Amino acid sequence: GWIEILGAGMVHPRVLEMAGYDPKVYSGFAFGMGPERIAMLKFGV
């Protein structure tokens, strides 16, 4: 009844630290998707 489409999650504190952001102050989320998969699901390719 379900179809997998993308991956996501809350940004790892270590990634924030390496970019210069304080993980105690900042948080965030990230996601990644493939347009090919979306097109295949949307148009039946």
All heavy atoms as atom14 arrays in JSON, in Angstrom:
{
  "sequence": "GWIEILGAGMVHPRVLEMAGYDPKVYSGFAFGMGPERIAMLKFGV",
  "atom14_mask": [
    [1, 1, 1, 1, 0, 0, 0, 0, 0, 0, 0, 0, 0, 0],
    [1, 1, 1, 1, 1, 1, 1, 1, 1, 1, 1, 1, 1, 1],
    [1, 1, 1, 1, 1, 1, 1, 1, 0, 0, 0, 0, 0, 0],
    [1, 1, 1, 1, 1, 1, 1, 1, 1, 0, 0, 0, 0, 0],
    [1, 1, 1, 1, 1, 1, 1, 1, 0, 0, 0, 0, 0, 0],
    [1, 1, 1, 1, 1, 1, 1, 1, 0, 0, 0, 0, 0, 0],
    [1, 1, 1, 1, 0, 0, 0, 0, 0, 0, 0, 0, 0, 0],
    [1, 1, 1, 1, 1, 0, 0, 0, 0, 0, 0, 0, 0, 0],
    [1, 1, 1, 1, 0, 0, 0, 0, 0, 0, 0, 0, 0, 0],
    [1, 1, 1, 1, 1, 1, 1, 1, 0, 0, 0, 0, 0, 0],
    [1, 1, 1, 1, 1, 1, 1, 0, 0, 0, 0, 0, 0, 0],
    [1, 1, 1, 1, 1, 1, 1, 1, 1, 1, 0, 0, 0, 0],
    [1, 1, 1, 1, 1, 1, 1, 0, 0, 0, 0, 0, 0, 0],
    [1, 1, 1, 1, 1, 1, 1, 1, 1, 1, 1, 0, 0, 0],
    [1, 1, 1, 1, 1, 1, 1, 0, 0, 0, 0, 0, 0, 0],
    [1, 1, 1, 1, 1, 1, 1, 1, 0, 0, 0, 0, 0, 0],
    [1, 1, 1, 1, 1, 1, 1, 1, 1, 0, 0, 0, 0, 0],
    [1, 1, 1, 1, 1, 1, 1, 1, 0, 0, 0, 0, 0, 0],
    [1, 1, 1, 1, 1, 0, 0, 0, 0, 0, 0, 0, 0, 0],
    [1, 1, 1, 1, 0, 0, 0, 0, 0, 0, 0, 0, 0, 0],
    [1, 1, 1, 1, 1, 1, 1, 1, 1, 1, 1, 1, 0, 0],
    [1, 1, 1, 1, 1, 1, 1, 1, 0, 0, 0, 0, 0, 0],
    [1, 1, 1, 1, 1, 1, 1, 0, 0, 0, 0, 0, 0, 0],
    [1, 1, 1, 1, 1, 1, 1, 1, 1, 0, 0, 0, 0, 0],
    [1, 1, 1, 1, 1, 1, 1, 0, 0, 0, 0, 0, 0, 0],
    [1, 1, 1, 1, 1, 1, 1, 1, 1, 1, 1, 1, 0, 0],
    [1, 1, 1, 1, 1, 1, 0, 0, 0, 0, 0, 0, 0, 0],
    [1, 1, 1, 1, 0, 0, 0, 0, 0, 0, 0, 0, 0, 0],
    [1, 1, 1, 1, 1, 1, 1, 1, 1, 1, 1, 0, 0, 0],
    [1, 1, 1, 1, 1, 0, 0, 0, 0, 0, 0, 0, 0, 0],
    [1, 1, 1, 1, 1, 1, 1, 1, 1, 1, 1, 0, 0, 0],
    [1, 1, 1, 1, 0, 0, 0, 0, 0, 0, 0, 0, 0, 0],
    [1, 1, 1, 1, 1, 1, 1, 1, 0, 0, 0, 0, 0, 0],
    [1, 1, 1, 1, 0, 0, 0, 0, 0, 0, 0, 0, 0, 0],
    [1, 1, 1, 1, 1, 1, 1, 0, 0, 0, 0, 0, 0, 0],
    [1, 1, 1, 1, 1, 1, 1, 1, 1, 0, 0, 0, 0, 0],
    [1, 1, 1, 1, 1, 1, 1, 1, 1, 1, 1, 0, 0, 0],
    [1, 1, 1, 1, 1, 1, 1, 1, 0, 0, 0, 0, 0, 0],
    [1, 1, 1, 1, 1, 0, 0, 0, 0, 0, 0, 0, 0, 0],
    [1, 1, 1, 1, 1, 1, 1, 1, 0, 0, 0, 0, 0, 0],
    [1, 1, 1, 1, 1, 1, 1, 1, 0, 0, 0, 0, 0, 0],
    [1, 1, 1, 1, 1, 1, 1, 1, 1, 0, 0, 0, 0, 0],
    [1, 1, 1, 1, 1, 1, 1, 1, 1, 1, 1, 0, 0, 0],
    [1, 1, 1, 1, 0, 0, 0, 0, 0, 0, 0, 0, 0, 0],
    [1, 1, 1, 1, 1, 1, 1, 0, 0, 0, 0, 0, 0, 0]
  ],
  "atom14_positions": [
    [[0.81, -1.22, 0.0], [0.0, 0.0, 0.0], [0.84, 1.26, 0.0], [0.29, 2.37, -0.06], [0.0, 0.0, 0.0], [0.0, 0.0, 0.0], [0.0, 0.0, 0.0], [0.0, 0.0, 0.0], [0.0, 0.0, 0.0], [0.0, 0.0, 0.0], [0.0, 0.0, 0.0], [0.0, 0.0, 0.0], [0.0, 0.0, 0.0], [0.0, 0.0, 0.0]],
    [[2.18, 1.12, 0.06], [3.07, 2.27, 0.12], [4.2, 2.14, -0.9], [4.61, 1.04, -1.24], [3.68, 2.42, 1.52], [2.66, 2.62, 2.59], [2.07, 1.67, 3.36], [2.09, 3.88, 2.99], [1.18, 2.23, 4.23], [1.16, 3.6, 4.04], [2.27, 5.21, 2.61], [0.43, 4.59, 4.66], [1.55, 6.2, 3.24], [0.64, 5.9, 4.25]],
    [[4.72, 3.29, -1.36], [5.82, 3.31, -2.32], [6.91, 4.25, -1.78], [6.64, 5.42, -1.5], [5.36, 3.79, -3.7], [4.3, 2.83, -4.28], [6.54, 3.9, -4.66], [3.71, 3.29, -5.59], [0.0, 0.0, 0.0], [0.0, 0.0, 0.0], [0.0, 0.0, 0.0], [0.0, 0.0, 0.0], [0.0, 0.0, 0.0], [0.0, 0.0, 0.0]],
    [[8.12, 3.72, -1.66], [9.23, 4.54, -1.16], [9.61, 5.6, -2.18], [9.66, 5.32, -3.39], [10.44, 3.65, -0.87], [11.66, 4.4, -0.36], [12.85, 3.5, -0.18], [12.66, 2.3, 0.15], [13.98, 3.98, -0.38], [0.0, 0.0, 0.0], [0.0, 0.0, 0.0], [0.0, 0.0, 0.0], [0.0, 0.0, 0.0], [0.0, 0.0, 0.0]],
    [[9.88, 6.82, -1.71], [10.15, 7.89, -2.67], [11.38, 8.72, -2.35], [12.06, 9.2, -3.25], [8.9, 8.82, -2.8], [9.09, 9.79, -3.97], [8.62, 9.56, -1.51], [7.86, 10.54, -4.33], [0.0, 0.0, 0.0], [0.0, 0.0, 0.0], [0.0, 0.0, 0.0], [0.0, 0.0, 0.0], [0.0, 0.0, 0.0], [0.0, 0.0, 0.0]],
    [[11.72, 8.89, -1.06], [12.9, 9.7, -0.75], [13.39, 9.43, 0.67], [12.72, 8.78, 1.46], [12.61, 11.2, -0.93], [11.49, 11.85, -0.11], [11.94, 12.25, 1.3], [10.97, 13.1, -0.82], [0.0, 0.0, 0.0], [0.0, 0.0, 0.0], [0.0, 0.0, 0.0], [0.0, 0.0, 0.0], [0.0, 0.0, 0.0], [0.0, 0.0, 0.0]],
    [[14.59, 9.95, 0.96], [15.17, 9.84, 2.28], [15.31, 11.22, 2.91], [15.47, 12.23, 2.2], [0.0, 0.0, 0.0], [0.0, 0.0, 0.0], [0.0, 0.0, 0.0], [0.0, 0.0, 0.0], [0.0, 0.0, 0.0], [0.0, 0.0, 0.0], [0.0, 0.0, 0.0], [0.0, 0.0, 0.0], [0.0, 0.0, 0.0], [0.0, 0.0, 0.0]],
    [[15.27, 11.29, 4.23], [15.33, 12.58, 4.92], [15.76, 12.37, 6.36], [16.03, 11.24, 6.8], [13.97, 13.27, 4.86], [0.0, 0.0, 0.0], [0.0, 0.0, 0.0], [0.0, 0.0, 0.0], [0.0, 0.0, 0.0], [0.0, 0.0, 0.0], [0.0, 0.0, 0.0], [0.0, 0.0, 0.0], [0.0, 0.0, 0.0], [0.0, 0.0, 0.0]],
    [[15.82, 13.46, 7.1], [16.16, 13.38, 8.53], [16.61, 14.72, 9.07], [16.72, 15.71, 8.33], [0.0, 0.0, 0.0], [0.0, 0.0, 0.0], [0.0, 0.0, 0.0], [0.0, 0.0, 0.0], [0.0, 0.0, 0.0], [0.0, 0.0, 0.0], [0.0, 0.0, 0.0], [0.0, 0.0, 0.0], [0.0, 0.0, 0.0], [0.0, 0.0, 0.0]],
    [[16.87, 14.75, 10.34], [17.37, 15.95, 11.0], [18.89, 16.01, 10.84], [19.58, 15.0, 11.0], [17.0, 15.95, 12.49], [15.5, 15.86, 12.75], [14.56, 17.2, 11.99], [15.15, 18.6, 12.97], [0.0, 0.0, 0.0], [0.0, 0.0, 0.0], [0.0, 0.0, 0.0], [0.0, 0.0, 0.0], [0.0, 0.0, 0.0], [0.0, 0.0, 0.0]],
    [[19.41, 17.17, 10.5], [20.84, 17.31, 10.23], [21.65, 16.88, 11.45], [21.39, 17.32, 12.58], [21.18, 18.77, 9.85], [22.68, 18.91, 9.57], [20.37, 19.2, 8.63], [0.0, 0.0, 0.0], [0.0, 0.0, 0.0], [0.0, 0.0, 0.0], [0.0, 0.0, 0.0], [0.0, 0.0, 0.0], [0.0, 0.0, 0.0], [0.0, 0.0, 0.0]],
    [[22.64, 16.04, 11.2], [23.48, 15.53, 12.28], [24.25, 16.7, 12.92], [24.79, 17.56, 12.21], [24.46, 14.5, 11.72], [25.07, 13.62, 12.75], [26.0, 14.08, 13.66], [24.89, 12.29, 13.04], [26.38, 13.1, 14.45], [25.72, 11.99, 14.09], [0.0, 0.0, 0.0], [0.0, 0.0, 0.0], [0.0, 0.0, 0.0], [0.0, 0.0, 0.0]],
    [[24.31, 16.73, 14.26], [25.04, 17.82, 14.94], [26.48, 17.95, 14.46], [27.02, 19.05, 14.38], [24.98, 17.42, 16.41], [23.75, 16.58, 16.53], [23.64, 15.84, 15.23], [0.0, 0.0, 0.0], [0.0, 0.0, 0.0], [0.0, 0.0, 0.0], [0.0, 0.0, 0.0], [0.0, 0.0, 0.0], [0.0, 0.0, 0.0], [0.0, 0.0, 0.0]],
    [[27.11, 16.83, 14.11], [28.5, 16.86, 13.64], [28.61, 17.63, 12.32], [29.57, 18.37, 12.11], [29.01, 15.43, 13.48], [30.43, 15.32, 12.97], [31.42, 15.96, 13.9], [32.78, 15.84, 13.38], [33.73, 16.72, 13.6], [33.48, 17.8, 14.31], [34.93, 16.53, 13.11], [0.0, 0.0, 0.0], [0.0, 0.0, 0.0], [0.0, 0.0, 0.0]],
    [[27.62, 17.47, 11.44], [27.61, 18.19, 10.17], [27.48, 19.69, 10.41], [28.15, 20.51, 9.77], [26.47, 17.68, 9.26], [26.37, 18.53, 7.99], [26.68, 16.22, 8.9], [0.0, 0.0, 0.0], [0.0, 0.0, 0.0], [0.0, 0.0, 0.0], [0.0, 0.0, 0.0], [0.0, 0.0, 0.0], [0.0, 0.0, 0.0], [0.0, 0.0, 0.0]],
    [[26.63, 20.06, 11.35], [26.47, 21.48, 11.7], [27.77, 22.05, 12.26], [28.19, 23.16, 11.9], [25.33, 21.65, 12.71], [23.91, 21.36, 12.2], [22.92, 21.43, 13.36], [23.51, 22.35, 11.11], [0.0, 0.0, 0.0], [0.0, 0.0, 0.0], [0.0, 0.0, 0.0], [0.0, 0.0, 0.0], [0.0, 0.0, 0.0], [0.0, 0.0, 0.0]],
    [[28.43, 21.29, 13.12], [29.68, 21.75, 13.71], [30.75, 21.97, 12.65], [31.46, 22.99, 12.67], [30.19, 20.74, 14.74], [29.41, 20.74, 16.05], [29.98, 19.73, 17.03], [30.72, 18.82, 16.59], [29.67, 19.85, 18.22], [0.0, 0.0, 0.0], [0.0, 0.0, 0.0], [0.0, 0.0, 0.0], [0.0, 0.0, 0.0], [0.0, 0.0, 0.0]],
    [[30.89, 21.02, 11.72], [31.91, 21.16, 10.68], [31.64, 22.35, 9.78], [32.55, 22.89, 9.15], [32.0, 19.86, 9.86], [32.69, 18.72, 10.61], [32.98, 17.27, 9.57], [31.32, 16.62, 9.44], [0.0, 0.0, 0.0], [0.0, 0.0, 0.0], [0.0, 0.0, 0.0], [0.0, 0.0, 0.0], [0.0, 0.0, 0.0], [0.0, 0.0, 0.0]],
    [[30.39, 22.77, 9.68], [30.04, 23.93, 8.86], [30.09, 25.22, 9.66], [29.82, 26.3, 9.12], [28.65, 23.75, 8.26], [0.0, 0.0, 0.0], [0.0, 0.0, 0.0], [0.0, 0.0, 0.0], [0.0, 0.0, 0.0], [0.0, 0.0, 0.0], [0.0, 0.0, 0.0], [0.0, 0.0, 0.0], [0.0, 0.0, 0.0], [0.0, 0.0, 0.0]],
    [[30.42, 25.14, 10.94], [30.55, 26.33, 11.75], [29.31, 26.74, 12.5], [29.26, 27.82, 13.1], [0.0, 0.0, 0.0], [0.0, 0.0, 0.0], [0.0, 0.0, 0.0], [0.0, 0.0, 0.0], [0.0, 0.0, 0.0], [0.0, 0.0, 0.0], [0.0, 0.0, 0.0], [0.0, 0.0, 0.0], [0.0, 0.0, 0.0], [0.0, 0.0, 0.0]],
    [[28.28, 25.9, 12.5], [27.03, 26.2, 13.22], [27.05, 25.53, 14.6], [27.5, 24.39, 14.73], [25.82, 25.71, 12.42], [25.46, 26.6, 11.25], [26.13, 26.48, 10.04], [24.44, 27.55, 11.35], [25.81, 27.28, 8.95], [24.11, 28.35, 10.27], [24.79, 28.22, 9.07], [24.46, 29.03, 8.01], [0.0, 0.0, 0.0], [0.0, 0.0, 0.0]],
    [[26.56, 26.23, 15.58], [26.48, 25.69, 16.94], [25.23, 24.8, 17.04], [24.11, 25.3, 16.99], [26.4, 26.83, 17.95], [26.45, 26.32, 19.4], [26.36, 25.09, 19.61], [26.56, 27.16, 20.31], [0.0, 0.0, 0.0], [0.0, 0.0, 0.0], [0.0, 0.0, 0.0], [0.0, 0.0, 0.0], [0.0, 0.0, 0.0], [0.0, 0.0, 0.0]],
    [[25.39, 23.47, 17.17], [24.23, 22.58, 17.23], [23.36, 22.78, 18.47], [22.23, 22.28, 18.52], [24.85, 21.18, 17.21], [26.24, 21.37, 17.7], [26.66, 22.73, 17.28], [0.0, 0.0, 0.0], [0.0, 0.0, 0.0], [0.0, 0.0, 0.0], [0.0, 0.0, 0.0], [0.0, 0.0, 0.0], [0.0, 0.0, 0.0], [0.0, 0.0, 0.0]],
    [[23.88, 23.52, 19.46], [23.06, 23.81, 20.63], [22.11, 24.98, 20.36], [21.14, 25.18, 21.1], [23.95, 24.13, 21.82], [24.8, 22.96, 22.29], [25.66, 23.34, 23.48], [26.52, 22.15, 23.93], [27.39, 22.52, 25.09], [0.0, 0.0, 0.0], [0.0, 0.0, 0.0], [0.0, 0.0, 0.0], [0.0, 0.0, 0.0], [0.0, 0.0, 0.0]],
    [[22.42, 25.74, 19.32], [21.58, 26.9, 18.96], [20.75, 26.6, 17.71], [19.58, 26.94, 17.63], [22.46, 28.15, 18.71], [21.6, 29.34, 18.28], [23.26, 28.48, 19.95], [0.0, 0.0, 0.0], [0.0, 0.0, 0.0], [0.0, 0.0, 0.0], [0.0, 0.0, 0.0], [0.0, 0.0, 0.0], [0.0, 0.0, 0.0], [0.0, 0.0, 0.0]],
    [[21.41, 25.95, 16.74], [20.75, 25.69, 15.46], [20.41, 24.2, 15.31], [21.11, 23.34, 15.84], [21.64, 26.1, 14.29], [21.76, 27.6, 14.12], [22.82, 28.29, 14.71], [20.83, 28.32, 13.37], [22.94, 29.67, 14.56], [20.95, 29.69, 13.21], [22.0, 30.35, 13.8], [22.1, 31.71, 13.65], [0.0, 0.0, 0.0], [0.0, 0.0, 0.0]],
    [[19.34, 23.95, 14.58], [18.97, 22.59, 14.17], [18.47, 22.69, 12.73], [18.28, 23.78, 12.2], [17.89, 22.0, 15.09], [16.73, 22.85, 15.09], [0.0, 0.0, 0.0], [0.0, 0.0, 0.0], [0.0, 0.0, 0.0], [0.0, 0.0, 0.0], [0.0, 0.0, 0.0], [0.0, 0.0, 0.0], [0.0, 0.0, 0.0], [0.0, 0.0, 0.0]],
    [[18.26, 21.56, 12.14], [17.79, 21.6, 10.76], [17.39, 20.25, 10.24], [17.59, 19.23, 10.91], [0.0, 0.0, 0.0], [0.0, 0.0, 0.0], [0.0, 0.0, 0.0], [0.0, 0.0, 0.0], [0.0, 0.0, 0.0], [0.0, 0.0, 0.0], [0.0, 0.0, 0.0], [0.0, 0.0, 0.0], [0.0, 0.0, 0.0], [0.0, 0.0, 0.0]],
    [[16.79, 20.26, 9.06], [16.45, 18.99, 8.42], [16.98, 19.0, 6.99], [17.24, 20.06, 6.4], [14.95, 18.71, 8.45], [14.08, 19.69, 7.69], [14.06, 19.75, 6.3], [13.24, 20.55, 8.4], [13.24, 20.63, 5.62], [12.42, 21.45, 7.72], [12.41, 21.49, 6.33], [0.0, 0.0, 0.0], [0.0, 0.0, 0.0], [0.0, 0.0, 0.0]],
    [[17.14, 17.81, 6.44], [17.62, 17.64, 5.07], [16.83, 16.51, 4.42], [16.33, 15.61, 5.11], [19.11, 17.34, 5.04], [0.0, 0.0, 0.0], [0.0, 0.0, 0.0], [0.0, 0.0, 0.0], [0.0, 0.0, 0.0], [0.0, 0.0, 0.0], [0.0, 0.0, 0.0], [0.0, 0.0, 0.0], [0.0, 0.0, 0.0], [0.0, 0.0, 0.0]],
    [[16.73, 16.55, 3.11], [16.05, 15.48, 2.37], [16.68, 15.38, 0.99], [17.32, 16.31, 0.5], [14.54, 15.78, 2.24], [14.22, 17.11, 1.61], [14.15, 17.26, 0.23], [13.98, 18.21, 2.41], [13.85, 18.48, -0.35], [13.68, 19.45, 1.86], [13.62, 19.59, 0.48], [0.0, 0.0, 0.0], [0.0, 0.0, 0.0], [0.0, 0.0, 0.0]],
    [[16.55, 14.21, 0.4], [17.08, 13.99, -0.94], [16.14, 13.12, -1.75], [15.58, 12.15, -1.25], [0.0, 0.0, 0.0], [0.0, 0.0, 0.0], [0.0, 0.0, 0.0], [0.0, 0.0, 0.0], [0.0, 0.0, 0.0], [0.0, 0.0, 0.0], [0.0, 0.0, 0.0], [0.0, 0.0, 0.0], [0.0, 0.0, 0.0], [0.0, 0.0, 0.0]],
    [[15.96, 13.5, -3.02], [15.04, 12.77, -3.89], [15.62, 12.66, -5.29], [16.49, 13.45, -5.69], [13.69, 13.49, -3.96], [13.76, 14.86, -4.61], [12.2, 15.77, -4.53], [12.18, 16.23, -2.8], [0.0, 0.0, 0.0], [0.0, 0.0, 0.0], [0.0, 0.0, 0.0], [0.0, 0.0, 0.0], [0.0, 0.0, 0.0], [0.0, 0.0, 0.0]],
    [[15.15, 11.67, -6.04], [15.56, 11.5, -7.43], [14.44, 11.86, -8.39], [13.39, 11.19, -8.38], [0.0, 0.0, 0.0], [0.0, 0.0, 0.0], [0.0, 0.0, 0.0], [0.0, 0.0, 0.0], [0.0, 0.0, 0.0], [0.0, 0.0, 0.0], [0.0, 0.0, 0.0], [0.0, 0.0, 0.0], [0.0, 0.0, 0.0], [0.0, 0.0, 0.0]],
    [[14.6, 12.9, -9.2], [13.56, 13.27, -10.17], [13.18, 12.13, -11.11], [12.03, 12.03, -11.54], [14.2, 14.43, -10.94], [15.11, 15.07, -9.94], [15.67, 13.91, -9.15], [0.0, 0.0, 0.0], [0.0, 0.0, 0.0], [0.0, 0.0, 0.0], [0.0, 0.0, 0.0], [0.0, 0.0, 0.0], [0.0, 0.0, 0.0], [0.0, 0.0, 0.0]],
    [[14.14, 11.24, -11.42], [13.79, 10.1, -12.28], [12.73, 9.23, -11.61], [11.76, 8.82, -12.26], [15.04, 9.25, -12.58], [16.02, 9.89, -13.55], [17.08, 10.69, -12.83], [16.88, 11.03, -11.64], [18.12, 10.98, -13.45], [0.0, 0.0, 0.0], [0.0, 0.0, 0.0], [0.0, 0.0, 0.0], [0.0, 0.0, 0.0], [0.0, 0.0, 0.0]],
    [[12.94, 8.93, -10.34], [11.96, 8.09, -9.62], [10.61, 8.79, -9.54], [9.56, 8.16, -9.69], [12.48, 7.75, -8.23], [11.5, 6.9, -7.42], [12.18, 6.17, -6.29], [11.27, 5.36, -5.5], [10.78, 4.18, -5.89], [11.14, 3.69, -7.07], [9.96, 3.49, -5.13], [0.0, 0.0, 0.0], [0.0, 0.0, 0.0], [0.0, 0.0, 0.0]],
    [[10.62, 10.07, -9.29], [9.37, 10.82, -9.21], [8.66, 10.79, -10.55], [7.44, 10.59, -10.63], [9.65, 12.26, -8.76], [10.16, 12.25, -7.32], [8.4, 13.13, -8.88], [10.66, 13.59, -6.84], [0.0, 0.0, 0.0], [0.0, 0.0, 0.0], [0.0, 0.0, 0.0], [0.0, 0.0, 0.0], [0.0, 0.0, 0.0], [0.0, 0.0, 0.0]],
    [[9.41, 10.98, -11.64], [8.81, 10.95, -12.97], [8.27, 9.56, -13.29], [7.19, 9.42, -13.89], [9.84, 11.37, -14.02], [0.0, 0.0, 0.0], [0.0, 0.0, 0.0], [0.0, 0.0, 0.0], [0.0, 0.0, 0.0], [0.0, 0.0, 0.0], [0.0, 0.0, 0.0], [0.0, 0.0, 0.0], [0.0, 0.0, 0.0], [0.0, 0.0, 0.0]],
    [[9.0, 8.52, -12.88], [8.56, 7.15, -13.15], [7.25, 6.86, -12.42], [6.33, 6.24, -12.98], [9.64, 6.16, -12.72], [10.9, 6.22, -13.58], [12.27, 5.2, -12.98], [11.68, 3.57, -13.44], [0.0, 0.0, 0.0], [0.0, 0.0, 0.0], [0.0, 0.0, 0.0], [0.0, 0.0, 0.0], [0.0, 0.0, 0.0], [0.0, 0.0, 0.0]],
    [[7.13, 7.32, -11.18], [5.9, 7.1, -10.42], [4.75, 7.95, -10.94], [3.6, 7.51, -11.02], [6.14, 7.4, -8.94], [7.09, 6.45, -8.2], [7.35, 6.96, -6.8], [6.49, 5.05, -8.15], [0.0, 0.0, 0.0], [0.0, 0.0, 0.0], [0.0, 0.0, 0.0], [0.0, 0.0, 0.0], [0.0, 0.0, 0.0], [0.0, 0.0, 0.0]],
    [[5.07, 9.19, -11.31], [4.02, 10.11, -11.72], [3.45, 9.79, -13.1], [2.25, 9.94, -13.34], [4.57, 11.54, -11.72], [3.51, 12.62, -11.91], [4.08, 14.0, -11.65], [2.98, 15.07, -11.77], [3.49, 16.42, -11.47], [0.0, 0.0, 0.0], [0.0, 0.0, 0.0], [0.0, 0.0, 0.0], [0.0, 0.0, 0.0], [0.0, 0.0, 0.0]],
    [[4.31, 9.29, -14.01], [3.87, 9.06, -15.38], [3.89, 7.59, -15.79], [3.66, 7.27, -16.95], [4.74, 9.87, -16.35], [4.62, 11.35, -16.15], [5.63, 12.05, -15.53], [3.5, 12.04, -16.58], [5.54, 13.42, -15.34], [3.39, 13.4, -16.4], [4.4, 14.1, -15.77], [0.0, 0.0, 0.0], [0.0, 0.0, 0.0], [0.0, 0.0, 0.0]],
    [[4.19, 6.71, -14.86], [4.14, 5.29, -15.18], [5.27, 4.81, -16.07], [5.09, 3.86, -16.84], [0.0, 0.0, 0.0], [0.0, 0.0, 0.0], [0.0, 0.0, 0.0], [0.0, 0.0, 0.0], [0.0, 0.0, 0.0], [0.0, 0.0, 0.0], [0.0, 0.0, 0.0], [0.0, 0.0, 0.0], [0.0, 0.0, 0.0], [0.0, 0.0, 0.0]],
    [[6.44, 5.44, -16.01], [7.6, 5.01, -16.8], [8.22, 3.78, -16.12], [8.47, 3.8, -14.91], [8.65, 6.14, -16.9], [9.86, 5.69, -17.71], [8.01, 7.38, -17.54], [0.0, 0.0, 0.0], [0.0, 0.0, 0.0], [0.0, 0.0, 0.0], [0.0, 0.0, 0.0], [0.0, 0.0, 0.0], [0.0, 0.0, 0.0], [0.0, 0.0, 0.0]]
  ]
}
